[in-house]
Amino acid sequence: YIEQQYEDVLHGTKKEVRSVADKQGNTIRTETVSEGKSGKNLTLTIDMELQKKVEESIEKILKAYKGSESMLDRAFVVMINPKNGQVLSMAGKKLVEKDGKTEVEDYALGTMTSSYELGSTVKGATILTGFETKAITPGTYFYDAPMKFKGTKEKKSWKDFGNIDDLRALQVSSNVYMFNTALKIAGVDYVKNSSLNIKQEYFDKMRYYFRQFGLGVPTGIDLPNETAGQIGKKDNQPGFLLDYSIGQYDTYTPLQLVQYISTIANGGYRMKPQIVQEVREQTSQKDEIGKVVHAVEPIVLNKIDMKEEYINQVKEGFRRVFQEGDGTGVRAFQKASYKPAGKTGTAQTVYGGESDIGRNEKGERRECYNLTLAGYAPYDNPEVAFSVVVPWVINDKSGINSDIGKEVLDAYFELKNKRLTGEAPKTDDSKENKNIRNVSSNYMN
């Protein structure tokens, strides 16, 4: 895929020569039309040591959970630098049954070519949309209790939380708070057993703000065939706006998820994810490094149209998710010395794979969950942002998303500390010449 994107740079151009002949067809002279250009080498942003550790973690944890999770067959992780958009790791693994044995296949491209309902990880975008549309303000309270609309089942949080504000809603992942926020955005007051009347324009309004974070639009990564996800396949019936507000309607890629969380982490700048850091001249000597022809500069795709105080409010909510009390990410991250922040996610969905194990005796797709996680660290000066997506899990309390997230974030900071103390080689991109053919065959097939 990288070769496809940068084919002209890698392969160069041939020398073009024109021959001039006499009437008998004898060449009397040759003229050089173009001298041609030699192919170049690419230096990638991928941290190869980190990539290896991330892949090992995904494979190990997938295998560990597979025994109790019949439909589980894949997981994804993306890690980027939120300050410049450089992709540090981009990994996906798939479990495949062959001849009665479970084999692991690389599926890194699934981080940008496959999309899933991401659940509560997107609630930060819902809160920020509420702030910016004046539907709510920082400190707005709603009463968290089951909601009932005419002709539908109750819509509720995983627990009744009572009177809560926006920070508490993020910390404990309240669905009801998001439902109320979506209703306020649509100009609707909740009345028990009433019918919902929400116009299409409010779906469009929420998507307008979500897209500022990269949710529902291409991230702009310098690789081909990226998907932008899918808009909910059902008709936009009023109740689906509530599902949209908790990440259970439209689908997004793991790459879009990390761009979204990175945009919040860095204060509102949506950075273009980049795989290539430099273009260098080729050299005749194996160990010699070619000079830099072009250094790829960070690109800001857009600045989100929201006040800084609003972004900081959501960042505080994300800090509480991982660091305080009964935050949904506390079990995994509270004791982490690198001070992470982020958001957990659980999306109710149906099996989307091809295996018969994901269907019942009638051939209907079985219900399951997508478990997700997105975050960054340190929360007061983020240097790494990450996303984890694990589709089609039976046990929504399994914690596989947090287990993967904690292990890969630990790996990042362990490598950083070893490099600072000299226990591991420092990453020096100006001296590390990675030929694209080698890298692509290992990581991007």
Protein backbone atom coordinates (compact mmCIF):
# COMPACT_ATOMS: atom_id res chain seq x y z
CA TYR A 1 0.00 0.00 0.00
CA ILE A 2 2.82 2.40 0.78
CA GLU A 3 4.53 1.47 -2.49
CA GLN A 4 1.26 2.12 -4.32
CA GLN A 5 0.91 5.56 -2.75
CA TYR A 6 4.54 6.56 -3.41
CA GLU A 7 5.22 4.62 -6.62
CA ASP A 8 6.58 7.61 -8.56
CA VAL A 9 8.95 8.54 -5.74
CA LEU A 10 10.26 5.01 -5.18
CA HIS A 11 10.73 3.88 -8.76
CA GLY A 12 11.94 7.11 -10.35
CA THR A 13 11.86 7.65 -14.13
CA LYS A 14 13.88 6.15 -16.98
CA LYS A 15 16.27 8.11 -19.14
CA GLU A 16 14.64 9.06 -22.46
CA VAL A 17 16.73 9.14 -25.64
CA ARG A 18 15.66 10.13 -29.16
CA SER A 19 17.52 8.82 -32.21
CA VAL A 20 17.94 10.77 -35.47
CA ALA A 21 18.38 8.64 -38.63
CA ASP A 22 19.20 9.30 -42.28
CA LYS A 23 17.07 8.20 -45.24
CA GLN A 24 18.59 4.73 -45.17
CA GLY A 25 17.61 4.30 -41.52
CA ASN A 26 21.09 4.65 -40.14
CA THR A 27 21.35 6.40 -36.79
CA ILE A 28 23.41 9.52 -37.23
CA ARG A 29 23.04 10.89 -33.72
CA THR A 30 21.16 10.45 -30.45
CA GLU A 31 19.67 13.17 -28.32
CA THR A 32 18.87 12.95 -24.63
CA VAL A 33 15.30 14.08 -24.08
CA SER A 34 15.28 13.44 -20.33
CA GLU A 35 18.06 12.35 -18.02
CA GLY A 36 15.60 10.45 -15.84
CA LYS A 37 15.64 10.28 -12.09
CA SER A 38 16.69 7.53 -9.73
CA GLY A 39 14.18 6.22 -7.21
CA LYS A 40 14.20 7.54 -3.68
CA ASN A 41 14.02 5.92 -0.25
CA LEU A 42 11.39 6.71 2.35
CA THR A 43 11.86 7.14 6.07
CA LEU A 44 8.72 6.10 7.93
CA THR A 45 7.28 7.51 11.13
CA ILE A 46 6.59 4.00 12.47
CA ASP A 47 8.58 3.15 15.60
CA MET A 48 9.63 -0.40 14.71
CA GLU A 49 10.36 -1.49 18.28
CA LEU A 50 7.00 -0.19 19.45
CA GLN A 51 5.24 -1.74 16.45
CA LYS A 52 6.69 -5.14 17.33
CA LYS A 53 5.58 -4.88 20.96
CA VAL A 54 2.08 -3.73 19.95
CA GLU A 55 1.67 -6.64 17.55
CA GLU A 56 2.88 -9.11 20.18
CA SER A 57 0.43 -7.69 22.74
CA ILE A 58 -2.56 -7.90 20.40
CA GLU A 59 -1.74 -11.47 19.39
CA LYS A 60 -1.15 -12.64 22.96
CA ILE A 61 -4.32 -11.07 24.39
CA LEU A 62 -6.52 -12.19 21.47
CA LYS A 63 -5.40 -15.79 21.99
CA ALA A 64 -5.92 -15.53 25.75
CA TYR A 65 -9.55 -14.39 25.36
CA LYS A 66 -10.47 -16.59 22.40
CA GLY A 67 -11.32 -19.61 24.58
CA SER A 68 -14.30 -17.83 26.16
CA GLU A 69 -15.16 -15.65 23.15
CA SER A 70 -16.41 -17.72 20.21
CA MET A 71 -16.95 -14.79 17.82
CA LEU A 72 -13.80 -12.85 18.72
CA ASP A 73 -11.38 -12.90 15.79
CA ARG A 74 -9.69 -9.48 15.47
CA ALA A 75 -8.35 -6.43 17.28
CA PHE A 76 -6.78 -3.14 16.24
CA VAL A 77 -4.44 -0.54 17.74
CA VAL A 78 -3.29 2.80 16.34
CA MET A 79 -0.83 5.09 18.16
CA ILE A 80 0.11 8.58 16.94
CA ASN A 81 1.87 11.70 18.11
CA PRO A 82 -1.01 14.15 18.69
CA LYS A 83 1.27 17.14 18.19
CA ASN A 84 2.25 16.37 14.60
CA GLY A 85 0.10 13.45 13.41
CA GLN A 86 3.00 11.03 12.93
CA VAL A 87 1.83 7.42 13.10
CA LEU A 88 3.94 5.52 15.64
CA SER A 89 2.17 2.17 15.38
CA MET A 90 -0.60 0.85 13.18
CA ALA A 91 -1.48 -2.75 13.98
CA GLY A 92 -4.26 -5.26 13.49
CA LYS A 93 -4.43 -9.01 13.98
CA LYS A 94 -6.93 -11.62 12.81
CA LEU A 95 -7.48 -15.15 14.13
CA VAL A 96 -8.12 -17.61 11.29
CA GLU A 97 -9.02 -21.30 11.57
CA LYS A 98 -6.97 -23.48 9.20
CA ASP A 99 -6.90 -27.28 9.29
CA GLY A 100 -8.26 -27.31 12.83
CA LYS A 101 -5.66 -24.86 14.07
CA THR A 102 -5.93 -21.18 14.95
CA GLU A 103 -3.48 -19.04 13.02
CA VAL A 104 -2.80 -15.32 13.35
CA GLU A 105 -2.81 -13.13 10.26
CA ASP A 106 -1.72 -9.53 9.93
CA TYR A 107 -4.59 -7.09 9.44
CA ALA A 108 -2.96 -3.69 9.88
CA LEU A 109 -4.87 -2.29 6.93
CA GLY A 110 -8.10 -2.97 8.80
CA THR A 111 -7.28 0.04 10.97
CA MET A 112 -8.32 2.23 8.04
CA THR A 113 -10.35 -0.03 5.72
CA SER A 114 -12.85 -1.52 8.21
CA SER A 115 -15.30 0.41 10.36
CA TYR A 116 -17.35 -0.39 13.46
CA GLU A 117 -19.81 1.17 15.88
CA LEU A 118 -17.47 2.52 18.56
CA GLY A 119 -19.82 3.11 21.47
CA SER A 120 -19.10 5.48 24.33
CA THR A 121 -15.62 6.56 23.22
CA VAL A 122 -17.33 9.22 21.08
CA LYS A 123 -19.23 10.77 24.00
CA GLY A 124 -16.65 13.54 24.21
CA ALA A 125 -17.81 14.69 20.77
CA THR A 126 -21.43 14.60 21.95
CA ILE A 127 -20.67 16.79 24.97
CA LEU A 128 -18.65 19.25 22.87
CA THR A 129 -21.44 19.42 20.29
CA GLY A 130 -23.86 20.19 23.12
CA PHE A 131 -21.60 22.97 24.39
CA GLU A 132 -21.08 24.56 20.99
CA THR A 133 -24.77 24.48 20.03
CA LYS A 134 -25.68 26.00 23.44
CA ALA A 135 -27.84 22.97 24.20
CA ILE A 136 -25.86 22.56 27.43
CA THR A 137 -23.08 24.40 29.22
CA PRO A 138 -20.22 23.13 31.42
CA GLY A 139 -21.86 22.13 34.68
CA THR A 140 -25.32 21.38 33.25
CA TYR A 141 -27.13 18.69 35.26
CA PHE A 142 -29.52 15.98 34.05
CA TYR A 143 -31.20 13.28 36.11
CA ASP A 144 -29.97 9.85 35.05
CA ALA A 145 -32.88 7.40 35.18
CA PRO A 146 -34.46 5.16 32.50
CA MET A 147 -36.21 7.05 29.70
CA LYS A 148 -39.37 5.74 28.01
CA PHE A 149 -40.72 6.86 24.66
CA LYS A 150 -43.94 5.75 23.02
CA GLY A 151 -43.70 2.36 21.34
CA THR A 152 -40.09 1.65 22.35
CA LYS A 153 -38.15 -0.15 25.04
CA GLU A 154 -36.62 1.80 27.90
CA LYS A 155 -33.40 3.62 27.09
CA LYS A 156 -31.01 3.78 30.02
CA SER A 157 -27.45 3.83 31.32
CA TRP A 158 -25.72 0.72 32.64
CA LYS A 159 -26.66 2.03 36.09
CA ASP A 160 -29.00 4.76 37.37
CA PHE A 161 -26.72 7.62 38.45
CA GLY A 162 -29.28 10.19 39.58
CA ASN A 163 -28.44 13.89 39.26
CA ILE A 164 -25.13 14.25 37.37
CA ASP A 165 -23.22 16.91 35.44
CA ASP A 166 -21.16 16.60 32.27
CA LEU A 167 -17.91 15.65 34.03
CA ARG A 168 -19.58 12.90 36.02
CA ALA A 169 -21.39 11.73 32.87
CA LEU A 170 -18.08 11.20 31.09
CA GLN A 171 -16.45 9.62 34.15
CA VAL A 172 -19.09 6.91 34.56
CA SER A 173 -20.20 6.84 30.90
CA SER A 174 -23.83 7.87 31.32
CA ASN A 175 -26.02 7.12 28.30
CA VAL A 176 -28.96 9.08 29.67
CA TYR A 177 -26.90 12.27 29.91
CA MET A 178 -26.03 11.92 26.21
CA PHE A 179 -29.67 11.21 25.31
CA ASN A 180 -30.74 14.41 27.07
CA THR A 181 -27.97 16.36 25.36
CA ALA A 182 -29.09 15.09 21.94
CA LEU A 183 -32.70 16.01 22.73
CA LYS A 184 -31.65 19.53 23.73
CA ILE A 185 -29.64 19.87 20.50
CA ALA A 186 -32.83 18.94 18.63
CA GLY A 187 -34.90 21.38 20.71
CA VAL A 188 -36.96 18.61 22.33
CA ASP A 189 -37.92 18.33 26.01
CA TYR A 190 -38.23 14.81 27.39
CA VAL A 191 -41.73 13.74 28.42
CA LYS A 192 -42.24 10.14 29.52
CA ASN A 193 -44.18 7.98 27.01
CA SER A 194 -44.24 10.82 24.49
CA SER A 195 -43.54 10.44 20.77
CA LEU A 196 -40.27 11.78 19.45
CA ASN A 197 -40.29 14.28 16.62
CA ILE A 198 -36.73 14.99 15.51
CA LYS A 199 -36.00 16.36 12.05
CA GLN A 200 -33.21 15.25 9.72
CA GLU A 201 -31.45 18.59 10.16
CA TYR A 202 -30.41 17.60 13.69
CA PHE A 203 -28.71 14.44 12.45
CA ASP A 204 -26.88 16.70 9.99
CA LYS A 205 -25.98 19.15 12.76
CA MET A 206 -24.46 16.49 15.01
CA ARG A 207 -22.56 14.95 12.10
CA TYR A 208 -21.24 18.39 11.17
CA TYR A 209 -19.53 18.71 14.56
CA PHE A 210 -18.42 15.06 14.75
CA ARG A 211 -16.72 15.42 11.36
CA GLN A 212 -14.58 18.26 12.69
CA PHE A 213 -12.86 15.60 14.83
CA GLY A 214 -12.49 13.21 11.87
CA LEU A 215 -15.49 11.02 12.74
CA GLY A 216 -17.27 10.23 9.49
CA VAL A 217 -14.75 11.74 7.05
CA PRO A 218 -11.40 10.46 5.70
CA THR A 219 -8.50 11.14 8.06
CA GLY A 220 -6.25 12.15 5.15
CA ILE A 221 -3.57 9.53 5.86
CA ASP A 222 -0.98 9.13 3.10
CA LEU A 223 -2.18 5.63 2.14
CA PRO A 224 -4.78 4.60 -0.47
CA ASN A 225 -8.23 3.01 -0.03
CA GLU A 226 -9.14 4.52 3.34
CA THR A 227 -12.83 4.25 4.23
CA ALA A 228 -14.77 7.07 5.87
CA GLY A 229 -17.05 4.67 7.75
CA GLN A 230 -20.77 4.23 7.22
CA ILE A 231 -23.83 6.27 8.08
CA GLY A 232 -26.41 4.22 10.00
CA LYS A 233 -28.17 1.97 7.50
CA LYS A 234 -31.59 2.42 9.05
CA ASP A 235 -33.86 5.31 8.22
CA ASN A 236 -33.10 8.34 10.37
CA GLN A 237 -36.04 7.75 12.68
CA PRO A 238 -36.09 10.16 15.64
CA GLY A 239 -34.88 7.66 18.24
CA PHE A 240 -31.73 6.92 16.28
CA LEU A 241 -30.35 10.36 17.12
CA LEU A 242 -30.13 9.12 20.70
CA ASP A 243 -28.24 6.04 19.52
CA TYR A 244 -25.94 8.28 17.49
CA SER A 245 -25.09 10.30 20.61
CA ILE A 246 -23.64 7.20 22.31
CA GLY A 247 -21.77 5.83 19.29
CA GLN A 248 -24.27 3.14 18.29
CA TYR A 249 -25.46 4.27 14.86
CA ASP A 250 -22.71 5.40 12.43
CA THR A 251 -19.50 3.39 12.07
CA TYR A 252 -15.90 4.64 12.23
CA THR A 253 -12.43 3.18 11.74
CA PRO A 254 -9.78 2.69 14.44
CA LEU A 255 -7.77 5.38 12.63
CA GLN A 256 -10.66 7.85 12.82
CA LEU A 257 -11.00 7.08 16.52
CA VAL A 258 -7.37 7.97 17.24
CA GLN A 259 -7.63 11.15 15.15
CA TYR A 260 -10.70 12.19 17.16
CA ILE A 261 -9.07 11.63 20.56
CA SER A 262 -5.85 13.26 19.34
CA THR A 263 -7.78 16.37 18.27
CA ILE A 264 -9.13 16.75 21.80
CA ALA A 265 -5.74 15.95 23.35
CA ASN A 266 -3.90 18.70 21.46
CA GLY A 267 -6.50 21.38 22.10
CA GLY A 268 -8.58 21.19 18.94
CA TYR A 269 -6.26 20.72 15.95
CA ARG A 270 -7.12 17.85 13.60
CA MET A 271 -3.76 16.67 12.30
CA LYS A 272 -3.26 14.70 9.10
CA PRO A 273 -1.94 11.23 10.05
CA GLN A 274 1.37 10.63 8.30
CA ILE A 275 3.31 7.42 7.66
CA VAL A 276 6.19 8.97 5.70
CA GLN A 277 8.56 11.35 7.48
CA GLU A 278 11.25 11.96 4.86
CA VAL A 279 12.17 11.27 1.25
CA ARG A 280 15.91 10.52 0.83
CA GLU A 281 18.31 9.95 -2.02
CA GLN A 282 19.45 6.40 -2.70
CA THR A 283 23.10 5.57 -2.13
CA SER A 284 25.43 2.91 -3.52
CA GLN A 285 26.73 1.96 -0.08
CA LYS A 286 24.54 -0.33 2.03
CA ASP A 287 25.18 1.43 5.34
CA GLU A 288 25.34 4.93 3.92
CA ILE A 289 22.41 7.28 4.46
CA GLY A 290 21.18 9.35 1.54
CA LYS A 291 20.59 13.04 1.94
CA VAL A 292 17.11 14.36 2.66
CA VAL A 293 15.28 15.44 -0.49
CA HIS A 294 12.01 16.31 1.21
CA ALA A 295 10.96 16.44 4.86
CA VAL A 296 7.23 15.93 5.41
CA GLU A 297 5.87 18.75 7.54
CA PRO A 298 2.89 18.39 9.94
CA ILE A 299 -0.41 19.37 8.34
CA VAL A 300 -3.37 20.82 10.25
CA LEU A 301 -6.54 19.72 8.45
CA ASN A 302 -8.80 21.96 10.51
CA LYS A 303 -9.18 23.66 13.88
CA ILE A 304 -12.42 22.58 15.51
CA ASP A 305 -14.97 25.34 15.85
CA MET A 306 -15.27 25.15 19.64
CA LYS A 307 -14.07 27.22 22.58
CA GLU A 308 -10.89 26.20 24.37
CA GLU A 309 -12.71 26.13 27.71
CA TYR A 310 -15.13 23.56 26.28
CA ILE A 311 -12.28 21.32 25.10
CA ASN A 312 -10.56 21.61 28.48
CA GLN A 313 -13.79 20.62 30.23
CA VAL A 314 -13.99 17.40 28.23
CA LYS A 315 -10.28 16.73 28.82
CA GLU A 316 -10.95 16.97 32.56
CA GLY A 317 -13.78 14.47 32.14
CA PHE A 318 -11.43 12.12 30.29
CA ARG A 319 -8.86 12.47 33.09
CA ARG A 320 -11.49 11.39 35.62
CA VAL A 321 -12.40 8.37 33.49
CA PHE A 322 -8.89 6.96 33.96
CA GLN A 323 -7.84 8.51 37.27
CA GLU A 324 -10.70 9.02 39.73
CA GLY A 325 -13.11 6.95 41.81
CA ASP A 326 -15.45 4.79 39.77
CA GLY A 327 -14.25 6.02 36.38
CA THR A 328 -14.74 3.31 33.77
CA GLY A 329 -11.00 3.21 32.99
CA VAL A 330 -9.70 3.33 36.56
CA ARG A 331 -9.16 -0.43 36.94
CA ALA A 332 -6.56 -0.44 34.19
CA PHE A 333 -5.00 3.01 34.37
CA GLN A 334 -5.27 4.65 37.80
CA LYS A 335 -1.83 3.51 38.95
CA ALA A 336 -0.05 4.36 35.69
CA SER A 337 2.80 6.79 36.36
CA TYR A 338 2.49 8.41 32.93
CA LYS A 339 -0.88 10.04 33.85
CA PRO A 340 -3.18 8.90 31.04
CA ALA A 341 -6.66 10.16 30.17
CA GLY A 342 -9.28 8.82 27.81
CA LYS A 343 -12.62 7.11 27.31
CA THR A 344 -13.85 3.55 27.31
CA GLY A 345 -16.51 2.31 24.91
CA THR A 346 -19.04 -0.50 24.56
CA ALA A 347 -21.35 -0.70 21.54
CA GLN A 348 -24.26 -3.14 21.28
CA THR A 349 -24.14 -4.58 17.78
CA VAL A 350 -24.52 -7.78 15.76
CA TYR A 351 -21.82 -10.07 14.43
CA GLY A 352 -20.37 -8.72 11.19
CA GLY A 353 -17.99 -11.49 10.22
CA GLU A 354 -18.31 -14.40 7.81
CA SER A 355 -18.10 -17.37 10.19
CA ASP A 356 -21.19 -19.50 10.84
CA ILE A 357 -20.42 -19.27 14.56
CA GLY A 358 -21.78 -15.72 14.48
CA ARG A 359 -25.25 -16.84 13.39
CA ASN A 360 -28.04 -18.69 15.18
CA GLU A 361 -29.95 -21.73 13.89
CA LYS A 362 -32.18 -19.42 11.81
CA GLY A 363 -29.16 -17.87 10.11
CA GLU A 364 -29.64 -14.57 11.93
CA ARG A 365 -26.58 -12.65 13.09
CA ARG A 366 -25.98 -12.99 16.82
CA GLU A 367 -25.95 -10.00 19.14
CA CYS A 368 -22.59 -9.02 20.62
CA TYR A 369 -20.50 -5.99 21.59
CA ASN A 370 -17.67 -3.91 20.19
CA LEU A 371 -15.26 -2.96 22.98
CA THR A 372 -13.20 0.16 22.34
CA LEU A 373 -10.79 2.50 24.08
CA ALA A 374 -9.21 5.82 23.19
CA GLY A 375 -6.84 7.98 25.16
CA TYR A 376 -3.60 9.90 25.46
CA ALA A 377 -0.76 10.54 27.90
CA PRO A 378 0.36 12.41 29.84
CA TYR A 379 -2.97 14.18 30.20
CA ASP A 380 -1.35 17.57 30.89
CA ASN A 381 1.10 17.42 27.96
CA PRO A 382 0.09 14.62 25.57
CA GLU A 383 2.87 13.03 23.52
CA VAL A 384 1.04 9.89 22.43
CA ALA A 385 -2.60 9.17 21.57
CA PHE A 386 -4.01 5.71 20.98
CA SER A 387 -7.12 3.80 19.97
CA VAL A 388 -8.14 0.18 20.57
CA VAL A 389 -11.03 -1.53 18.76
CA VAL A 390 -12.07 -5.12 19.52
CA PRO A 391 -15.23 -6.15 17.59
CA TRP A 392 -17.78 -8.89 18.30
CA VAL A 393 -17.21 -9.72 21.95
CA ILE A 394 -19.83 -11.72 23.88
CA ASN A 395 -18.93 -10.54 27.40
CA ASP A 396 -19.19 -6.75 27.53
CA LYS A 397 -17.42 -6.76 30.92
CA SER A 398 -14.40 -8.77 29.72
CA GLY A 399 -12.00 -5.80 29.73
CA ILE A 400 -10.04 -6.95 26.68
CA ASN A 401 -9.98 -3.39 25.32
CA SER A 402 -8.43 -2.03 28.51
CA ASP A 403 -5.98 -4.92 28.74
CA ILE A 404 -4.67 -4.19 25.25
CA GLY A 405 -4.67 -0.43 25.80
CA LYS A 406 -2.75 -0.63 29.07
CA GLU A 407 -0.16 -3.00 27.65
CA VAL A 408 0.59 -0.93 24.53
CA LEU A 409 0.72 2.34 26.46
CA ASP A 410 3.04 0.74 29.00
CA ALA A 411 5.22 -0.42 26.10
CA TYR A 412 5.46 3.11 24.71
CA PHE A 413 6.65 4.64 27.98
CA GLU A 414 8.94 1.72 28.85
CA LEU A 415 10.70 2.14 25.50
CA LYS A 416 10.91 5.88 26.03
CA ASN A 417 12.49 5.46 29.46
CA LYS A 418 14.97 2.84 28.24
CA ARG A 419 16.07 5.14 25.44
CA LEU A 420 16.50 8.03 27.85
CA THR A 421 18.66 5.91 30.16
CA GLY A 422 20.61 4.32 27.34
CA GLU A 423 19.20 0.82 27.88
CA ALA A 424 17.71 0.79 24.38
CA PRO A 425 18.85 2.46 21.14
CA LYS A 426 17.40 5.93 20.67
CA THR A 427 15.15 6.46 17.70
CA ASP A 428 16.96 8.87 15.39
CA ASP A 429 14.90 9.31 12.26
CA SER A 430 17.59 11.44 10.60
CA LYS A 431 19.95 8.45 10.66
CA GLU A 432 17.51 5.60 10.20
CA ASN A 433 16.99 4.74 6.54
CA LYS A 434 14.06 2.35 6.15
CA ASN A 435 13.57 1.00 2.62
CA ILE A 436 9.87 0.91 1.91
CA ARG A 437 9.89 -2.57 0.40
CA ASN A 438 11.11 -4.13 3.63
CA VAL A 439 8.73 -2.18 5.86
CA SER A 440 5.65 -2.73 3.72
CA SER A 441 6.14 -6.48 3.53
CA ASN A 442 6.39 -6.72 7.32
CA TYR A 443 3.65 -4.38 8.44
CA MET A 444 1.32 -3.19 5.72
CA ASN A 445 0.22 -6.26 3.71
